[in-house]
Every structure is written in structure tokens, then in C-alpha cells.
């Protein structure tokens, strides 16, 4: 065996060790997450939690489902869509669920088969959950075009988010549009919003008096939109052009009107958030997704400021949390998507219940009330430890986590060791290839 071959073999062995050992050690020493039996009930009986699961696979658009937990036991599950999102149980015991699914043949302007998005009504009675009705429409792409939220209004109408056309709109029971607000009335709009992931409007909540709280993910902003008046309040207003890069990444917002600016909120306050809950006129609770935390913002004379933050539970840092609800008992229910868990904490940040989900959850509702408009705000600061981010590596890990279901204990260390293992493997493979080419040339002479 030549010296070159021995060196190549050592490099390949080193690559295997560098890749496998950190993964094995981390898996063996990872903390346990998930509910314990004595935490499955509270003073009011078993914890009943309704979950909308986005699913798994590449892009997280496979095996979506809606399911009900009684404590830690899944009592029913409906899984006929590629992805489900926001879920709400109505007074008659049925479930409204935002969804997307592929394989439709009624495609309007798009080529068949295509993807539809909208909402489904699921009836879980009778022991076997069944989709009893659906409102949907075709969209250009499978990703970043979904209806993430649907709610029944006191008027009997339904209000939906539309990520494809970047609007919120209401429909009657016949599916006819009765009102809409388009984001192009407020933000610089591209020529065709259906061709880019422009704003990613992902949540709408009815606040009363014809007002809606709207989450505009890619702008790092929450809007209060009034029917007939448009935007009447902005939480996390655009005040510094230096923040624009956080909103223009991945071809999201763009300066289409040429004034040198886009509406982009401070990413230190909110960064690509999901599912805010209006606690009252002076407080809002938000799953601050790209900051990997849950934050409660309070209105002050200087604007909206952090009043309570939480970055971890059960000893595990949050990773892409996408829902946080203040419950009637004063606790907070958090959907920690990339860690594949739902966790309930008290004001001090201590975990009182958690559940390890099968795939990537989008949103969880604690029954019977579900998410409410108006709840008890916290008055103290919770866990404020700073995020331990590593330049470049943390960004790579975040992209992977939001695209594939990976173990919660995978960290920046594993990204680094995987890249190092790849370099070592390429070096070893390159030496082997050079040796073979040299032998082939010698044999040809």
C-alpha cells in the first residue's frame, strides 16, 4: 500500500469519526422532552389540546394532520392533507383547519395537477374524524402560498389569510368574498405576488369593532387593520433602514417604488414571527420565530417594548416556535416547531406539561377556550438569557430545521463537524482518485 493510499484511508476514517462521534454523544446525553403522566391533568381535568401539524418531508409538506390530545394520549387524528396549519374547534365540536394539498385537477390558470389551499371542516364525532366540507382555491406553488389561518366571525362570516395574493379576506357561507384588505395598499408590491414569497401573511385575529390583528411575517410587523379604514396601527414600525436586509433576504420584500426603503421592523424586537395573541390594548404575546423565543410586548410611551421573554424550556432552547397562547390558568402554551414539541410553562418559565409531537407542529389550542382575545399579561421578566448564535452556522442550522424534521439536539457543533467531515472525505476521496488515475496511466504506457 502506497503512502498516498494510507493517507487517504486515514482521512476517510477521520471523516467518519468526526461525523459520527459528536452525533452519538449528543444523542446519548440529550435531555428528555415530553410529558410525564402526573402532568397530564390540571385542576380542571385532563389537558385537552388540539394540534395542527404541518408534517414532515422536504419543505415540511408531507403527512400533515389534525389531532386531539387528552393529556399525552392522541385520541383521534385526521391526516388527509399534505399540511395543516391553524386549527379552531367551533361550538358544535367540529374543527376549522387551514390546509394545503396537492393533486387537484381543477386548477384555473395553472397546469393540472396543482395545489389547493383554504380550509376544511373536520367532524371528529363517531369515533372516526371526517372532512365534511372544504373551501379551497388553486395556487401557483406548493410552498409559501398557503392559507395559514381561518376564523369564524360573530357576523357568521369567515376570515382567512391568503399568502398567495397577500391579503386577508372574509367570505360568507356560500364562499362569496364579502370584504378584503390587500397588503399592496400598504407595502411595496411586486408585479405578481404569486411568483415570490413576498410578505408571508400567516395569521389574522378578530379584535372586535371591525379590527383585525394581522401578522406580516417577512416584514417583522404586526398590523391592526380596520375594515373600511385599512392599517390603523403598526407594531414594530420601520424606523431604521439598516434593518432592511432582514426583510429583503431570499427575495422577500423589495424596494419596488425606488424610494430606497422597505417597510421592515426591527428584527431584534420581532423576526419573522407567527401567531400573535392580543392580550389587551397594551399587551401582545408573540411566537418570535427567527429569534427562537416567545416574547410579550407592552405598549409604552416610546412604543412597543419587551416585557417578558422566554428562550428555553425543559433545559432545551426553543427552535422556530410558531405559536404561543396565554391560557385561562395563567400559563403559556408554546408550539416549539423545529424541536417537535408542545410545552406549557408558567410565568417563571418552569415547565408544567409538555408533549413530544410525531412530526412538525404548526399550532396548538388548549380546549375548551382555544386562543382568546384578551388574557392575563405577565408583569415580570422571565428567562432573558441571550441566544448563543454562531455566525453562518446558526443560519445554516435554522434553514435546515425549517425545511426538514431533524432531532432537537442537533446544534451548530454538528453543522461544523459535518462540514469538516465533508472536507476530510473529499480530501481522502481525491487522493484515492489521483492514485487510481496514476495507475491507469501507468498501465496505458
Protein backbone atom coordinates (compact mmCIF):
# COMPACT_ATOMS: atom_id res chain seq x y z
CA UNK A 1 0.00 0.00 0.00
CA UNK A 2 1.44 3.36 -1.00
CA UNK A 3 1.87 6.31 1.34
CA UNK A 4 -0.79 8.20 -0.61
CA UNK A 5 -3.31 5.38 -0.14
CA UNK A 6 -2.58 5.16 3.59
CA UNK A 7 -3.08 8.91 3.93
CA UNK A 8 -6.35 8.72 2.00
CA UNK A 9 -7.63 5.93 4.25
CA UNK A 10 -6.72 7.88 7.38
CA UNK A 11 -8.59 10.91 6.08
CA UNK A 12 -11.71 8.84 5.36
CA UNK A 13 -11.60 7.23 8.82
CA UNK A 14 -11.13 10.64 10.39
CA UNK A 15 -14.13 11.94 8.43
CA UNK A 16 -16.28 9.09 9.76
CA UNK A 17 -15.14 9.68 13.36
CA UNK A 18 -15.65 13.45 13.15
CA UNK A 19 -19.16 12.92 11.76
CA UNK A 20 -20.40 10.06 13.94
CA UNK A 21 -18.88 10.65 17.39
CA UNK A 22 -20.39 14.10 18.10
CA UNK A 23 -23.80 12.90 16.88
CA UNK A 24 -23.65 9.77 19.02
CA UNK A 25 -22.54 11.64 22.14
CA UNK A 26 -25.20 14.32 21.73
CA UNK A 27 -27.96 11.76 21.15
CA UNK A 28 -26.90 9.80 24.26
CA UNK A 29 -26.71 12.86 26.52
CA UNK A 30 -29.68 14.85 25.21
CA UNK A 31 -32.29 15.86 27.81
CA UNK A 32 -35.66 14.14 27.75
CA UNK A 33 -38.58 16.20 26.48
CA UNK A 34 -42.21 15.18 26.61
CA UNK A 35 -44.99 14.86 29.13
CA UNK A 36 -44.95 12.82 32.31
CA UNK A 37 -48.12 11.03 33.37
CA UNK A 38 -48.66 13.10 36.52
CA UNK A 39 -48.68 16.32 34.43
CA UNK A 40 -51.38 15.24 32.00
CA UNK A 41 -54.18 16.76 34.10
CA UNK A 42 -54.69 20.02 35.94
CA UNK A 43 -57.35 21.26 38.36
CA UNK A 44 -59.99 21.14 35.61
CA UNK A 45 -59.23 17.58 34.50
CA UNK A 46 -57.21 16.14 31.59
CA UNK A 47 -55.44 18.69 29.43
CA UNK A 48 -57.21 18.68 26.03
CA UNK A 49 -55.01 20.09 23.28
CA UNK A 50 -55.96 20.43 19.61
CA UNK A 51 -52.94 20.38 17.27
CA UNK A 52 -52.46 21.40 13.64
CA UNK A 53 -49.39 19.60 12.26
CA UNK A 54 -47.59 20.85 9.16
CA UNK A 55 -46.00 17.41 8.78
CA UNK A 56 -42.56 16.39 7.57
CA UNK A 57 -40.58 15.59 4.46
CA UNK A 58 -38.71 18.11 2.33
CA UNK A 59 -40.29 21.52 2.81
CA UNK A 60 -42.47 20.05 5.59
CA UNK A 61 -45.33 19.36 3.18
CA UNK A 62 -45.97 15.66 3.76
CA UNK A 63 -48.14 13.80 6.26
CA UNK A 64 -49.90 16.83 7.70
CA UNK A 65 -52.60 16.13 10.27
CA UNK A 66 -55.00 17.48 12.86
CA UNK A 67 -55.21 15.60 16.14
CA UNK A 68 -56.59 15.85 19.66
CA UNK A 69 -54.56 15.09 22.77
CA UNK A 70 -56.18 14.04 26.03
CA UNK A 71 -53.20 14.58 28.29
CA UNK A 72 -50.46 12.82 26.34
CA UNK A 73 -52.77 10.37 24.55
CA UNK A 74 -53.77 11.05 20.95
CA UNK A 75 -57.49 10.25 20.85
CA UNK A 76 -58.13 11.00 17.17
CA UNK A 77 -56.22 12.13 14.08
CA UNK A 78 -57.18 13.26 10.58
CA UNK A 79 -54.33 13.13 8.07
CA UNK A 80 -55.65 13.51 4.52
CA UNK A 81 -53.80 16.76 3.66
CA UNK A 82 -50.17 17.42 2.80
CA UNK A 83 -50.15 20.08 5.55
CA UNK A 84 -52.50 21.51 8.14
CA UNK A 85 -51.94 24.81 9.92
CA UNK A 86 -54.16 26.83 12.28
CA UNK A 87 -56.92 24.83 13.98
CA UNK A 88 -60.01 26.03 15.86
CA UNK A 89 -62.75 23.97 17.49
CA UNK A 90 -66.17 25.51 16.94
CA UNK A 91 -69.14 25.43 19.30
CA UNK A 92 -70.62 22.37 17.57
CA UNK A 93 -67.46 20.32 18.22
CA UNK A 94 -66.19 20.49 14.65
CA UNK A 95 -62.76 21.80 13.68
CA UNK A 96 -61.84 24.57 11.23
CA UNK A 97 -58.37 23.90 9.83
CA UNK A 98 -56.25 25.82 7.35
CA UNK A 99 -54.63 23.41 4.90
CA UNK A 100 -52.79 22.83 1.62
CA UNK A 101 -52.90 19.70 -0.52
CA UNK A 102 -51.63 18.70 -3.96
CA UNK A 103 -53.10 16.60 -6.76
CA UNK A 104 -56.17 18.69 -7.68
CA UNK A 105 -57.38 18.77 -11.28
CA UNK A 106 -59.46 21.99 -11.05
CA UNK A 107 -56.57 24.40 -11.45
CA UNK A 108 -57.88 27.60 -13.02
CA UNK A 109 -54.91 29.34 -14.70
CA UNK A 110 -52.38 26.73 -13.56
CA UNK A 111 -51.33 23.42 -15.06
CA UNK A 112 -53.08 20.30 -13.76
CA UNK A 113 -52.45 18.67 -11.31
CA UNK A 114 -51.99 21.58 -8.92
CA UNK A 115 -52.07 22.54 -5.27
CA UNK A 116 -55.12 23.91 -3.48
CA UNK A 117 -55.21 25.82 -0.20
CA UNK A 118 -58.05 27.02 2.01
CA UNK A 119 -59.82 25.49 4.97
CA UNK A 120 -61.51 22.24 5.85
CA UNK A 121 -64.25 21.42 8.34
CA UNK A 122 -63.46 18.23 10.24
CA UNK A 123 -66.07 16.31 12.23
CA UNK A 124 -64.36 14.12 14.85
CA UNK A 125 -67.57 12.63 16.24
CA UNK A 126 -68.49 9.00 15.76
CA UNK A 127 -65.00 7.71 16.54
CA UNK A 128 -63.54 8.42 13.10
CA UNK A 129 -62.72 12.04 12.11
CA UNK A 130 -64.06 13.02 8.70
CA UNK A 131 -63.63 16.02 6.42
CA UNK A 132 -67.23 17.12 5.86
CA UNK A 133 -66.65 20.24 3.76
CA UNK A 134 -63.90 22.29 2.15
CA UNK A 135 -63.33 25.75 0.73
CA UNK A 136 -60.22 25.94 -1.41
CA UNK A 137 -58.66 27.56 -4.46
CA UNK A 138 -55.68 26.74 -6.71
CA UNK A 139 -52.27 28.33 -6.14
CA UNK A 140 -49.16 28.56 -8.28
CA UNK A 141 -46.73 26.76 -5.94
CA UNK A 142 -46.80 24.18 -3.16
CA UNK A 143 -44.82 26.31 -0.74
CA UNK A 144 -45.30 29.78 0.72
CA UNK A 145 -48.76 30.08 -0.82
CA UNK A 146 -50.92 28.60 1.91
CA UNK A 147 -53.91 29.72 3.92
CA UNK A 148 -52.43 29.54 7.41
CA UNK A 149 -55.41 30.86 9.38
CA UNK A 150 -59.20 30.81 9.32
CA UNK A 151 -61.65 32.05 11.94
CA UNK A 152 -65.42 32.30 12.31
CA UNK A 153 -66.60 35.87 12.96
CA UNK A 154 -69.58 36.94 15.09
CA UNK A 155 -71.28 38.03 11.83
CA UNK A 156 -71.23 34.41 10.62
CA UNK A 157 -68.57 35.19 8.02
CA UNK A 158 -65.18 33.52 7.93
CA UNK A 159 -61.92 35.49 7.79
CA UNK A 160 -58.87 33.93 6.12
CA UNK A 161 -55.27 34.81 5.39
CA UNK A 162 -54.17 34.40 1.78
CA UNK A 163 -50.40 34.08 1.45
CA UNK A 164 -50.65 33.61 -2.32
CA UNK A 165 -52.18 37.03 -3.08
CA UNK A 166 -51.02 38.54 0.28
CA UNK A 167 -54.39 39.64 1.63
CA UNK A 168 -56.91 38.94 4.35
CA UNK A 169 -60.49 38.44 3.25
CA UNK A 170 -63.91 37.41 4.50
CA UNK A 171 -66.39 35.04 2.91
CA UNK A 172 -69.98 34.09 3.60
CA UNK A 173 -71.34 30.57 3.93
CA UNK A 174 -71.64 30.37 0.14
CA UNK A 175 -67.93 31.05 -0.28
CA UNK A 176 -68.51 34.52 -1.74
CA UNK A 177 -65.96 37.20 -0.81
CA UNK A 178 -67.60 39.94 1.28
CA UNK A 179 -64.50 42.08 2.07
CA UNK A 180 -60.76 42.06 1.57
CA UNK A 181 -57.66 44.03 2.54
CA UNK A 182 -54.68 43.70 0.22
CA UNK A 183 -51.16 44.26 1.53
CA UNK A 184 -50.29 46.15 -1.67
CA UNK A 185 -52.27 49.05 -0.16
CA UNK A 186 -49.52 49.40 2.47
CA UNK A 187 -46.32 47.68 1.28
CA UNK A 188 -44.27 47.97 -1.92
CA UNK A 189 -45.73 45.22 -4.08
CA UNK A 190 -44.01 43.09 -6.72
CA UNK A 191 -45.58 42.81 -10.15
CA UNK A 192 -47.04 39.39 -9.27
CA UNK A 193 -47.19 38.34 -5.57
CA UNK A 194 -47.96 34.74 -6.58
CA UNK A 195 -44.44 34.30 -8.01
CA UNK A 196 -42.44 35.25 -4.87
CA UNK A 197 -42.67 34.68 -1.13
CA UNK A 198 -43.31 38.36 -0.64
CA UNK A 199 -44.90 39.02 2.79
CA UNK A 200 -46.00 35.60 4.06
CA UNK A 201 -49.10 36.83 5.93
CA UNK A 202 -49.62 33.99 8.38
CA UNK A 203 -52.21 34.97 11.00
CA UNK A 204 -55.35 37.03 11.48
CA UNK A 205 -57.34 37.51 14.70
CA UNK A 206 -60.61 39.40 15.08
CA UNK A 207 -60.26 42.03 17.82
CA UNK A 208 -63.80 43.36 17.70
CA UNK A 209 -65.19 46.62 16.30
CA UNK A 210 -64.20 45.60 12.75
CA UNK A 211 -60.50 45.43 13.69
CA UNK A 212 -58.12 42.57 12.90
CA UNK A 213 -54.63 41.76 14.17
CA UNK A 214 -52.52 40.62 11.19
CA UNK A 215 -49.07 39.01 11.28
CA UNK A 216 -46.90 40.05 8.32
CA UNK A 217 -44.02 37.61 8.77
CA UNK A 218 -41.47 38.84 6.24
CA UNK A 219 -41.82 42.47 7.38
CA UNK A 220 -41.32 41.63 11.10
CA UNK A 221 -44.53 43.52 11.79
CA UNK A 222 -47.97 43.15 13.32
CA UNK A 223 -50.73 45.31 11.88
CA UNK A 224 -54.10 46.33 13.23
CA UNK A 225 -56.32 46.54 10.15
CA UNK A 226 -59.75 48.12 10.39
CA UNK A 227 -62.46 47.14 7.95
CA UNK A 228 -63.03 50.11 5.68
CA UNK A 229 -60.09 52.12 7.04
CA UNK A 230 -57.04 49.95 6.37
CA UNK A 231 -53.98 49.91 8.65
CA UNK A 232 -54.60 51.87 11.86
CA UNK A 233 -51.60 50.66 13.91
CA UNK A 234 -48.21 49.07 13.32
CA UNK A 235 -46.36 47.10 15.99
CA UNK A 236 -42.61 47.23 15.28
CA UNK A 237 -42.66 50.16 12.89
CA UNK A 238 -39.91 50.70 10.34
CA UNK A 239 -37.51 53.24 11.86
CA UNK A 240 -34.04 52.24 10.63
CA UNK A 241 -33.07 51.44 7.05
CA UNK A 242 -30.16 49.31 8.33
CA UNK A 243 -32.67 46.60 9.25
CA UNK A 244 -33.94 46.19 5.69
CA UNK A 245 -31.62 43.29 4.89
CA UNK A 246 -33.52 41.07 7.31
CA UNK A 247 -36.68 41.61 5.26
CA UNK A 248 -35.19 41.55 1.76
CA UNK A 249 -33.33 38.24 2.21
CA UNK A 250 -34.39 35.35 -0.02
CA UNK A 251 -36.08 37.78 -2.44
CA UNK A 252 -38.83 38.68 0.04
CA UNK A 253 -39.55 42.42 0.34
CA UNK A 254 -38.10 44.69 -2.35
CA UNK A 255 -37.87 48.43 -2.99
CA UNK A 256 -40.23 48.34 -5.95
CA UNK A 257 -41.16 52.03 -5.74
CA UNK A 258 -37.49 53.10 -5.78
CA UNK A 259 -37.53 55.28 -2.65
CA UNK A 260 -34.55 53.45 -1.13
CA UNK A 261 -36.52 51.86 1.69
CA UNK A 262 -38.87 48.98 2.52
CA UNK A 263 -41.23 48.64 5.50
CA UNK A 264 -39.15 46.40 7.76
CA UNK A 265 -39.50 46.20 11.53
CA UNK A 266 -36.55 45.85 13.90
CA UNK A 267 -35.51 42.15 13.85
CA UNK A 268 -34.26 42.46 17.43
CA UNK A 269 -37.86 43.03 18.53
CA UNK A 270 -39.62 40.65 16.13
CA UNK A 271 -38.04 38.45 13.47
CA UNK A 272 -40.34 36.52 11.11
CA UNK A 273 -42.95 35.93 13.81
CA UNK A 274 -46.06 33.73 13.88
CA UNK A 275 -49.46 33.61 15.59
CA UNK A 276 -49.58 36.68 17.88
CA UNK A 277 -52.21 36.80 20.64
CA UNK A 278 -53.80 40.12 21.57
CA UNK A 279 -53.77 40.17 25.37
CA UNK A 280 -55.30 43.65 25.57
CA UNK A 281 -54.88 47.17 24.25
CA UNK A 282 -51.41 47.41 25.78
CA UNK A 283 -50.01 43.86 25.51
CA UNK A 284 -49.45 41.22 22.83
CA UNK A 285 -47.85 37.77 23.08
CA UNK A 286 -45.84 36.59 20.06
CA UNK A 287 -44.00 33.49 18.90
CA UNK A 288 -40.85 35.33 17.76
CA UNK A 289 -39.79 32.54 15.45
CA UNK A 290 -36.43 33.52 13.95
CA UNK A 291 -35.29 34.92 17.31
CA UNK A 292 -36.11 31.47 18.75
CA UNK A 293 -38.07 32.85 21.66
CA UNK A 294 -41.52 33.76 22.93
CA UNK A 295 -41.92 37.44 23.77
CA UNK A 296 -44.62 39.55 25.40
CA UNK A 297 -44.64 43.15 24.19
CA UNK A 298 -46.18 46.01 26.15
CA UNK A 299 -47.17 49.42 24.85
CA UNK A 300 -45.15 52.26 26.36
CA UNK A 301 -44.77 55.98 25.67
CA UNK A 302 -41.83 55.09 23.43
CA UNK A 303 -43.64 52.36 21.52
CA UNK A 304 -43.85 48.61 22.00
CA UNK A 305 -41.15 47.07 24.20
CA UNK A 306 -40.24 43.65 25.59
CA UNK A 307 -41.85 42.90 28.96
CA UNK A 308 -41.33 39.12 29.21
CA UNK A 309 -39.23 36.74 27.16
CA UNK A 310 -38.59 33.00 27.24
CA UNK A 311 -35.92 31.20 25.21
CA UNK A 312 -35.96 27.66 26.60
CA UNK A 313 -38.00 25.06 28.46
CA UNK A 314 -37.05 21.66 29.90
CA UNK A 315 -33.43 22.71 29.50
CA UNK A 316 -33.82 22.86 25.71
CA UNK A 317 -33.61 26.14 23.77
CA UNK A 318 -36.58 26.91 21.55
CA UNK A 319 -36.11 26.39 17.83
CA UNK A 320 -38.56 28.11 15.48
CA UNK A 321 -41.51 28.45 17.88
CA UNK A 322 -44.63 29.31 15.89
CA UNK A 323 -47.44 29.67 18.41
CA UNK A 324 -47.82 30.98 21.96
CA UNK A 325 -51.14 31.26 23.79
CA UNK A 326 -51.79 32.70 27.25
CA UNK A 327 -54.20 30.27 28.88
CA UNK A 328 -57.07 30.85 31.28
CA UNK A 329 -54.98 29.34 34.09
CA UNK A 330 -52.28 31.99 33.53
CA UNK A 331 -49.78 29.63 31.93
CA UNK A 332 -48.46 29.91 28.37
CA UNK A 333 -48.83 27.14 25.77
CA UNK A 334 -45.98 27.14 23.22
CA UNK A 335 -45.67 25.26 19.94
CA UNK A 336 -41.93 24.71 19.52
CA UNK A 337 -42.00 23.60 15.89
CA UNK A 338 -38.45 22.54 14.98
CA UNK A 339 -38.00 20.80 18.34
CA UNK A 340 -41.20 18.85 17.61
CA UNK A 341 -42.87 19.57 20.94
CA UNK A 342 -45.68 21.46 22.64
CA UNK A 343 -44.87 22.83 26.08
CA UNK A 344 -46.84 24.63 28.77
CA UNK A 345 -44.92 26.94 31.11
CA UNK A 346 -45.78 29.24 33.98
CA UNK A 347 -44.72 32.89 34.33
CA UNK A 348 -41.35 31.93 35.81
CA UNK A 349 -40.64 29.77 32.74
CA UNK A 350 -40.94 26.46 34.60
CA UNK A 351 -42.45 23.62 32.53
CA UNK A 352 -45.73 22.23 33.84
CA UNK A 353 -46.58 19.96 30.86
CA UNK A 354 -45.10 19.03 27.51
CA UNK A 355 -45.68 16.63 24.63
CA UNK A 356 -43.27 15.27 22.03
CA UNK A 357 -45.05 15.55 18.68
CA UNK A 358 -44.71 12.94 15.88
CA UNK A 359 -43.71 15.50 13.22
CA UNK A 360 -43.52 19.30 12.88
CA UNK A 361 -46.43 21.02 14.68
CA UNK A 362 -47.68 24.39 13.49
CA UNK A 363 -50.17 25.43 16.15
CA UNK A 364 -51.81 24.13 19.32
CA UNK A 365 -55.05 25.16 21.02
CA UNK A 366 -55.93 24.33 24.63
CA UNK A 367 -59.60 23.40 24.81
CA UNK A 368 -62.28 24.34 25.52
CA UNK A 369 -61.46 28.05 25.07
CA UNK A 370 -58.68 27.89 22.48
CA UNK A 371 -56.81 31.12 21.79
CA UNK A 372 -58.69 34.08 23.24
CA UNK A 373 -58.61 37.78 22.51
CA UNK A 374 -57.77 39.19 25.92
CA UNK A 375 -55.80 37.31 28.57
CA UNK A 376 -53.69 37.98 31.65
CA UNK A 377 -50.44 39.78 30.78
CA UNK A 378 -47.26 38.99 32.68
CA UNK A 379 -45.74 41.77 34.73
CA UNK A 380 -42.26 40.36 35.30
CA UNK A 381 -39.33 39.46 33.11
CA UNK A 382 -38.87 35.74 32.53
CA UNK A 383 -35.85 33.87 31.21
CA UNK A 384 -33.79 36.52 29.45
CA UNK A 385 -30.62 34.56 28.71
CA UNK A 386 -29.14 35.65 25.42
CA UNK A 387 -29.25 33.44 22.35
CA UNK A 388 -25.95 31.68 21.74
CA UNK A 389 -25.70 32.09 17.99
CA UNK A 390 -22.68 31.29 15.85
CA UNK A 391 -22.28 33.39 12.68
CA UNK A 392 -23.15 31.47 9.49
CA UNK A 393 -23.53 28.12 11.31
CA UNK A 394 -26.68 29.21 13.17
CA UNK A 395 -28.18 30.49 9.92
CA UNK A 396 -27.43 27.20 8.15
CA UNK A 397 -28.93 25.21 11.03
CA UNK A 398 -32.07 27.37 11.02
CA UNK A 399 -32.60 26.80 7.30
CA UNK A 400 -32.23 23.04 7.74
CA UNK A 401 -34.58 22.97 10.74
CA UNK A 402 -37.31 24.85 8.87
CA UNK A 403 -37.03 22.55 5.86
CA UNK A 404 -36.59 19.08 7.38
CA UNK A 405 -37.53 17.41 10.68
CA UNK A 406 -34.20 16.80 12.44
CA UNK A 407 -33.50 15.82 16.09
CA UNK A 408 -33.82 18.70 18.54
CA UNK A 409 -30.33 18.11 19.92
CA UNK A 410 -28.59 18.85 16.61
CA UNK A 411 -26.60 22.06 17.10
CA UNK A 412 -24.12 24.36 15.41
CA UNK A 413 -21.38 21.96 16.59
CA UNK A 414 -22.85 19.25 14.37
CA UNK A 415 -23.03 21.61 11.39
CA UNK A 416 -19.34 22.40 11.88
CA UNK A 417 -18.29 18.76 12.31
CA UNK A 418 -20.38 17.72 9.30
CA UNK A 419 -18.66 20.32 7.15
CA UNK A 420 -15.26 19.22 8.48
CA UNK A 421 -16.11 15.58 7.79
CA UNK A 422 -17.11 16.53 4.25
CA UNK A 423 -13.77 18.27 3.70
CA UNK A 424 -11.85 15.27 5.05
CA UNK A 425 -13.89 12.86 2.94
CA UNK A 426 -13.33 14.91 -0.20
CA UNK A 427 -9.58 15.07 0.52
CA UNK A 428 -9.38 11.32 1.10
CA UNK A 429 -11.51 10.56 -1.92
CA UNK A 430 -9.41 12.92 -4.01
CA UNK A 431 -6.20 11.10 -3.03
CA UNK A 432 -7.77 7.75 -3.90
CA UNK A 433 -8.90 9.10 -7.27
CA UNK A 434 -5.46 10.53 -8.00
CA UNK A 435 -3.88 7.16 -7.14
CA UNK A 436 -6.25 5.32 -9.49
CA UNK A 437 -5.64 7.78 -12.31
CA UNK A 438 -1.89 7.36 -11.85
CA UNK A 439 -2.22 3.55 -12.00
CA UNK A 440 -4.41 3.76 -15.11
CA UNK A 441 -1.89 5.97 -16.88
CA UNK A 442 0.95 3.62 -15.90
CA UNK A 443 -0.96 0.65 -17.32
CA UNK A 444 -1.58 2.52 -20.58
CA UNK A 445 2.12 3.04 -21.19
